[in-house]
Amino acid sequence: MLDSKGKHTPRITLDTVNIRASKSNSLAAALVAAAVCSFASHAWAQFPAPITASDGTATFTINPYSGGVIGNGPTSQLSGTGLGGLNFLNQAWWWIRVNGEDIREFAIAQASPVITQPTDNSIRIEYVSGLGRGWRISMDFEVSYLGLNAARLVQRLTISNSTSVDVPSLSVFNFNNVTLNGTPTNELATQTGPNEIDFVDGVNSLYHGIYRPSNPDLIAVGSSLRNLLTNSGIDDIPPGVIESGPGNLEVASQWNTDLPSGSTRTFEVTYLAIPTPGAAGILALGGLMATRRRR
């Protein structure tokens, strides 16, 4: 976890627009439009290709520049059989909302974040300008090979408030679009615990995806959860398995917390790609449980 000082120097920073609830609708619309134009005006062609982290034959690939603060977030690929293997996770990203100020949810995005690979199997994306709020935000993805072509992806978001302003109410959202066996339209979902969802491929039941957020306030499964994060209004995710499939299923978690001056909050999700019956036994290993959220 990065401290508030960090060690990387940003190449370019572009702060997102902080839209206040007290503004009129017309002004809010103008600010959103300005944010979109500002992102579009940057030379996106300068950015490198999507970045890949790997551990053995387990790989995770993501393009951290896609989308924008009011966009859909970038796509991803998670495979236990090497780069270009069957995809088990089509998207993994984060959204936030400052309650009482923001009029909608915003994707974590910046035209030129600082991107590093602390290790071969990890990717770190740092937003050193704090998305226009003076915070420091880091997003970490860490992939591990578990044997039998199974893979684990840990998704972690850390927010540090180095300003003198307390944030009494903050909502943080993790969103995953599940793709099992490379086919995104036939997943089935079952909630197997308070903080666990088991996805099964509708064609080949040997393929599983296990979603485990660490101590969320809400967890939900459905086919249109991302719309709640990308529309123009304020939305909390509805709890439980809203749709169990078969279909193109999405899963999301929500944490509601505060962010006092000088504090740090960390949010974490573990996702397991299980491609064979033998690999399912890996789930019994206690070390795979997501670590608790640190306050």
Protein backbone atom coordinates (compact mmCIF):
# COMPACT_ATOMS: atom_id res chain seq x y z
CA MET A 1 0.00 0.00 0.00
CA LEU A 2 1.34 3.39 -0.91
CA ASP A 3 1.85 6.05 1.70
CA SER A 4 0.57 9.57 1.19
CA LYS A 5 3.89 10.71 -0.24
CA GLY A 6 4.28 7.97 -2.88
CA LYS A 7 7.43 7.43 -4.86
CA HIS A 8 6.44 7.94 -8.50
CA THR A 9 6.40 11.14 -10.51
CA PRO A 10 3.33 11.66 -12.71
CA ARG A 11 3.79 12.15 -16.43
CA ILE A 12 0.60 14.15 -16.98
CA THR A 13 -2.29 14.79 -14.67
CA LEU A 14 -5.87 15.57 -15.60
CA ASP A 15 -8.28 16.06 -12.73
CA THR A 16 -11.84 14.86 -13.07
CA VAL A 17 -14.72 17.24 -12.57
CA ASN A 18 -16.15 17.29 -9.06
CA ILE A 19 -19.84 17.93 -9.60
CA ARG A 20 -21.67 19.21 -6.54
CA ALA A 21 -25.28 18.41 -5.78
CA SER A 22 -25.94 22.09 -5.12
CA LYS A 23 -25.34 23.02 -8.75
CA SER A 24 -28.20 23.36 -11.17
CA ASN A 25 -28.94 20.53 -13.61
CA SER A 26 -27.88 22.64 -16.58
CA LEU A 27 -24.58 23.55 -14.98
CA ALA A 28 -23.98 19.93 -14.01
CA ALA A 29 -24.58 18.86 -17.60
CA ALA A 30 -22.14 21.48 -18.81
CA LEU A 31 -19.49 20.29 -16.38
CA VAL A 32 -19.94 16.67 -17.47
CA ALA A 33 -19.61 17.71 -21.10
CA ALA A 34 -16.47 19.67 -20.27
CA ALA A 35 -14.97 16.63 -18.59
CA VAL A 36 -15.66 14.47 -21.66
CA CYS A 37 -14.14 17.06 -24.00
CA SER A 38 -11.11 17.45 -21.76
CA PHE A 39 -10.43 13.72 -21.86
CA ALA A 40 -10.96 13.59 -25.61
CA SER A 41 -8.56 16.47 -26.23
CA HIS A 42 -5.53 14.57 -24.90
CA ALA A 43 -3.29 12.62 -27.23
CA TRP A 44 -4.54 9.16 -26.40
CA ALA A 45 -2.33 7.66 -29.13
CA GLN A 46 0.71 8.21 -26.92
CA PHE A 47 -0.45 5.62 -24.41
CA PRO A 48 1.02 2.10 -24.51
CA ALA A 49 -0.88 -1.06 -25.36
CA PRO A 50 -2.88 -2.86 -22.67
CA ILE A 51 -0.63 -4.11 -19.88
CA THR A 52 -0.38 -7.76 -18.75
CA ALA A 53 0.59 -9.27 -15.40
CA SER A 54 1.46 -12.97 -15.24
CA ASP A 55 2.31 -15.76 -12.83
CA GLY A 56 3.07 -19.06 -14.55
CA THR A 57 0.29 -19.51 -17.10
CA ALA A 58 -2.08 -17.22 -15.18
CA THR A 59 -2.41 -13.83 -16.92
CA PHE A 60 -4.42 -10.67 -16.38
CA THR A 61 -4.58 -7.98 -19.07
CA ILE A 62 -6.19 -4.54 -18.80
CA ASN A 63 -6.13 -1.22 -20.63
CA PRO A 64 -6.26 1.30 -17.78
CA TYR A 65 -6.94 4.28 -20.06
CA SER A 66 -10.30 3.23 -21.49
CA GLY A 67 -13.57 4.89 -20.62
CA GLY A 68 -13.26 8.13 -18.66
CA VAL A 69 -14.97 9.32 -15.48
CA ILE A 70 -18.48 8.92 -16.93
CA GLY A 71 -17.64 5.98 -19.19
CA ASN A 72 -18.09 2.22 -18.86
CA GLY A 73 -14.58 1.47 -17.60
CA PRO A 74 -11.97 -0.62 -19.41
CA THR A 75 -12.25 -4.26 -20.45
CA SER A 76 -9.97 -6.99 -19.16
CA GLN A 77 -8.96 -10.61 -19.64
CA LEU A 78 -8.18 -13.21 -16.97
CA SER A 79 -6.91 -16.64 -17.99
CA GLY A 80 -5.22 -19.57 -16.31
CA THR A 81 -3.87 -20.97 -19.56
CA GLY A 82 -1.70 -18.13 -20.80
CA LEU A 83 -2.13 -14.94 -22.77
CA GLY A 84 -4.97 -15.37 -25.24
CA GLY A 85 -6.45 -18.32 -23.33
CA LEU A 86 -10.11 -18.63 -22.40
CA ASN A 87 -11.27 -15.44 -20.71
CA PHE A 88 -12.92 -15.66 -17.28
CA LEU A 89 -13.36 -11.94 -16.52
CA ASN A 90 -14.36 -9.37 -19.11
CA GLN A 91 -14.19 -6.33 -16.81
CA ALA A 92 -12.88 -5.39 -13.36
CA TRP A 93 -13.03 -1.73 -12.28
CA TRP A 94 -13.96 0.73 -9.52
CA TRP A 95 -16.38 3.65 -9.10
CA ILE A 96 -16.79 6.18 -6.26
CA ARG A 97 -19.35 8.72 -5.01
CA VAL A 98 -19.00 11.41 -2.34
CA ASN A 99 -22.43 11.44 -0.76
CA GLY A 100 -23.97 14.85 -0.31
CA GLU A 101 -21.76 16.35 -3.05
CA ASP A 102 -21.72 14.21 -6.20
CA ILE A 103 -24.83 13.89 -8.33
CA ARG A 104 -23.77 10.51 -9.74
CA GLU A 105 -21.14 7.78 -9.48
CA PHE A 106 -17.77 8.36 -11.19
CA ALA A 107 -15.38 5.78 -12.58
CA ILE A 108 -11.81 5.96 -11.31
CA ALA A 109 -10.14 7.51 -14.36
CA GLN A 110 -7.48 10.01 -15.36
CA ALA A 111 -5.97 10.76 -18.74
CA SER A 112 -2.45 9.86 -17.67
CA PRO A 113 -2.15 7.95 -14.41
CA VAL A 114 1.17 6.53 -13.28
CA ILE A 115 1.30 2.83 -14.21
CA THR A 116 3.93 0.46 -12.81
CA GLN A 117 4.45 -3.26 -12.28
CA PRO A 118 5.88 -3.73 -8.77
CA THR A 119 6.22 -7.45 -9.62
CA ASP A 120 5.68 -9.52 -12.76
CA ASN A 121 2.28 -10.65 -11.50
CA SER A 122 0.95 -7.24 -10.47
CA ILE A 123 -0.19 -3.94 -11.98
CA ARG A 124 -0.45 -0.66 -10.05
CA ILE A 125 -2.34 2.37 -11.36
CA GLU A 126 -1.81 5.57 -9.35
CA TYR A 127 -3.92 8.70 -9.51
CA VAL A 128 -1.61 11.14 -7.80
CA SER A 129 -3.82 14.17 -8.32
CA GLY A 130 -6.61 12.54 -6.31
CA LEU A 131 -9.21 12.93 -9.08
CA GLY A 132 -9.46 16.65 -8.40
CA ARG A 133 -10.02 16.25 -4.66
CA GLY A 134 -6.44 16.27 -3.40
CA TRP A 135 -6.57 12.56 -2.53
CA ARG A 136 -4.09 9.91 -3.52
CA ILE A 137 -5.66 6.85 -5.12
CA SER A 138 -3.99 3.61 -6.13
CA MET A 139 -5.53 0.63 -7.87
CA ASP A 140 -3.74 -2.73 -7.68
CA PHE A 141 -4.34 -5.96 -9.59
CA GLU A 142 -2.41 -9.10 -8.61
CA VAL A 143 -2.76 -12.41 -10.47
CA SER A 144 -1.61 -15.80 -9.15
CA TYR A 145 -1.46 -19.27 -10.68
CA LEU A 146 -3.12 -21.81 -8.38
CA GLY A 147 -2.43 -25.00 -10.34
CA LEU A 148 -4.69 -27.05 -12.65
CA ASN A 149 -5.13 -23.96 -14.87
CA ALA A 150 -6.87 -22.06 -12.06
CA ALA A 151 -6.10 -18.38 -11.47
CA ARG A 152 -6.73 -15.86 -8.72
CA LEU A 153 -7.08 -12.11 -9.22
CA VAL A 154 -6.93 -9.74 -6.24
CA GLN A 155 -8.39 -6.30 -6.97
CA ARG A 156 -7.51 -3.59 -4.47
CA LEU A 157 -8.40 0.11 -4.24
CA THR A 158 -6.64 2.39 -1.73
CA ILE A 159 -7.75 5.98 -1.11
CA SER A 160 -5.72 8.36 1.07
CA ASN A 161 -7.04 11.74 2.13
CA SER A 162 -4.04 14.02 2.60
CA THR A 163 -6.18 17.16 2.67
CA SER A 164 -7.51 19.00 5.72
CA VAL A 165 -11.11 18.31 4.69
CA ASP A 166 -13.03 15.41 6.26
CA VAL A 167 -15.31 13.36 4.00
CA PRO A 168 -18.20 12.19 6.19
CA SER A 169 -19.77 9.82 3.65
CA LEU A 170 -18.11 7.99 0.78
CA SER A 171 -19.46 5.11 -1.32
CA VAL A 172 -17.06 2.85 -3.20
CA PHE A 173 -18.13 0.35 -5.87
CA ASN A 174 -16.34 -2.63 -7.41
CA PHE A 175 -17.75 -3.99 -10.67
CA ASN A 176 -16.95 -7.24 -12.49
CA ASN A 177 -18.42 -8.57 -15.73
CA VAL A 178 -18.04 -12.35 -15.57
CA THR A 179 -17.08 -14.36 -18.65
CA LEU A 180 -16.65 -18.11 -18.19
CA ASN A 181 -15.17 -20.43 -20.81
CA GLY A 182 -14.79 -17.41 -23.09
CA THR A 183 -18.57 -17.14 -23.48
CA PRO A 184 -20.22 -14.13 -21.79
CA THR A 185 -23.92 -14.89 -22.33
CA ASN A 186 -24.79 -18.06 -20.44
CA GLU A 187 -23.56 -17.75 -16.86
CA LEU A 188 -25.55 -18.96 -13.86
CA ALA A 189 -25.12 -17.42 -10.39
CA THR A 190 -25.68 -18.63 -6.83
CA GLN A 191 -24.91 -16.76 -3.63
CA THR A 192 -22.98 -19.31 -1.56
CA GLY A 193 -22.20 -17.06 1.41
CA PRO A 194 -22.75 -13.52 2.69
CA ASN A 195 -19.72 -12.33 0.70
CA GLU A 196 -19.42 -14.97 -2.01
CA ILE A 197 -21.01 -15.54 -5.42
CA ASP A 198 -20.42 -18.74 -7.43
CA PHE A 199 -20.78 -18.40 -11.22
CA VAL A 200 -21.11 -21.50 -13.40
CA ASP A 201 -20.90 -21.69 -17.18
CA GLY A 202 -24.29 -22.63 -18.61
CA VAL A 203 -22.79 -24.86 -21.31
CA ASN A 204 -19.92 -26.51 -19.42
CA SER A 205 -20.58 -26.72 -15.69
CA LEU A 206 -16.90 -27.52 -15.06
CA TYR A 207 -16.12 -23.80 -15.44
CA HIS A 208 -16.61 -21.66 -12.35
CA GLY A 209 -15.88 -18.09 -11.31
CA ILE A 210 -15.90 -17.21 -7.59
CA TYR A 211 -16.36 -13.57 -6.54
CA ARG A 212 -15.36 -12.69 -2.95
CA PRO A 213 -15.40 -9.06 -1.79
CA SER A 214 -13.92 -8.25 1.61
CA ASN A 215 -16.61 -7.07 4.04
CA PRO A 216 -18.85 -5.08 1.67
CA ASP A 217 -22.04 -3.40 2.77
CA LEU A 218 -23.86 -4.64 -0.33
CA ILE A 219 -23.25 -7.32 -2.98
CA ALA A 220 -25.41 -7.87 -6.05
CA VAL A 221 -25.69 -9.96 -9.23
CA GLY A 222 -27.65 -8.97 -12.33
CA SER A 223 -27.41 -8.21 -16.03
CA SER A 224 -27.51 -4.40 -15.89
CA LEU A 225 -25.63 -3.35 -12.74
CA ARG A 226 -23.12 -1.27 -14.68
CA ASN A 227 -25.97 0.93 -15.89
CA LEU A 228 -26.53 1.99 -12.28
CA LEU A 229 -22.93 3.24 -12.14
CA THR A 230 -22.86 4.96 -15.53
CA ASN A 231 -26.25 6.66 -15.67
CA SER A 232 -26.68 10.31 -14.72
CA GLY A 233 -28.23 9.75 -11.29
CA ILE A 234 -27.35 8.52 -7.81
CA ASP A 235 -27.77 4.77 -7.35
CA ASP A 236 -26.92 2.18 -4.74
CA ILE A 237 -26.65 -1.39 -5.92
CA PRO A 238 -29.64 -3.61 -5.06
CA PRO A 239 -28.63 -6.41 -2.66
CA GLY A 240 -28.69 -10.09 -3.55
CA VAL A 241 -28.97 -12.13 -6.73
CA ILE A 242 -31.36 -10.01 -8.77
CA GLU A 243 -30.90 -12.26 -11.81
CA SER A 244 -29.42 -15.77 -11.60
CA GLY A 245 -29.14 -16.42 -15.35
CA PRO A 246 -28.47 -17.88 -17.72
CA GLY A 247 -27.22 -14.61 -19.15
CA ASN A 248 -24.41 -12.09 -19.38
CA LEU A 249 -24.12 -11.61 -15.63
CA GLU A 250 -22.46 -8.79 -13.75
CA VAL A 251 -21.52 -8.62 -10.07
CA ALA A 252 -20.88 -5.56 -7.93
CA SER A 253 -20.04 -4.68 -4.34
CA GLN A 254 -20.60 -1.44 -2.44
CA TRP A 255 -18.85 -0.11 0.64
CA ASN A 256 -20.18 2.90 2.58
CA THR A 257 -17.61 4.60 4.78
CA ASP A 258 -16.05 7.93 5.73
CA LEU A 259 -12.67 9.40 4.80
CA PRO A 260 -11.42 11.77 7.52
CA SER A 261 -8.48 14.06 6.91
CA GLY A 262 -5.23 12.08 7.07
CA SER A 263 -6.95 8.70 6.81
CA THR A 264 -6.61 5.81 4.35
CA ARG A 265 -9.26 3.31 3.28
CA THR A 266 -8.56 0.06 1.43
CA PHE A 267 -11.15 -2.06 -0.40
CA GLU A 268 -10.46 -5.52 -1.79
CA VAL A 269 -12.05 -8.21 -3.96
CA THR A 270 -10.75 -11.69 -4.82
CA TYR A 271 -11.92 -13.41 -8.00
CA LEU A 272 -11.09 -17.07 -8.75
CA ALA A 273 -11.18 -18.61 -12.23
CA ILE A 274 -11.81 -22.35 -11.80
CA PRO A 275 -11.69 -24.30 -15.10
CA THR A 276 -11.79 -27.96 -13.95
CA PRO A 277 -13.41 -30.12 -11.23
CA GLY A 278 -9.99 -30.80 -9.68
CA ALA A 279 -9.27 -27.10 -9.46
CA ALA A 280 -12.43 -26.61 -7.43
CA GLY A 281 -10.64 -28.29 -4.54
CA ILE A 282 -8.36 -25.26 -4.42
CA LEU A 283 -11.25 -23.34 -2.89
CA ALA A 284 -10.74 -25.24 0.37
CA LEU A 285 -7.39 -23.55 0.94
CA GLY A 286 -7.84 -20.90 3.59
CA GLY A 287 -5.22 -18.62 2.06
CA LEU A 288 -7.50 -17.74 -0.82
CA MET A 289 -9.99 -15.82 1.25
CA ALA A 290 -9.91 -12.09 0.63
CA THR A 291 -8.25 -10.15 3.43
CA ARG A 292 -10.40 -7.92 5.55
CA ARG A 293 -10.87 -4.31 4.59
CA ARG A 294 -8.48 -2.12 6.57
CA ARG A 295 -9.81 1.05 8.10
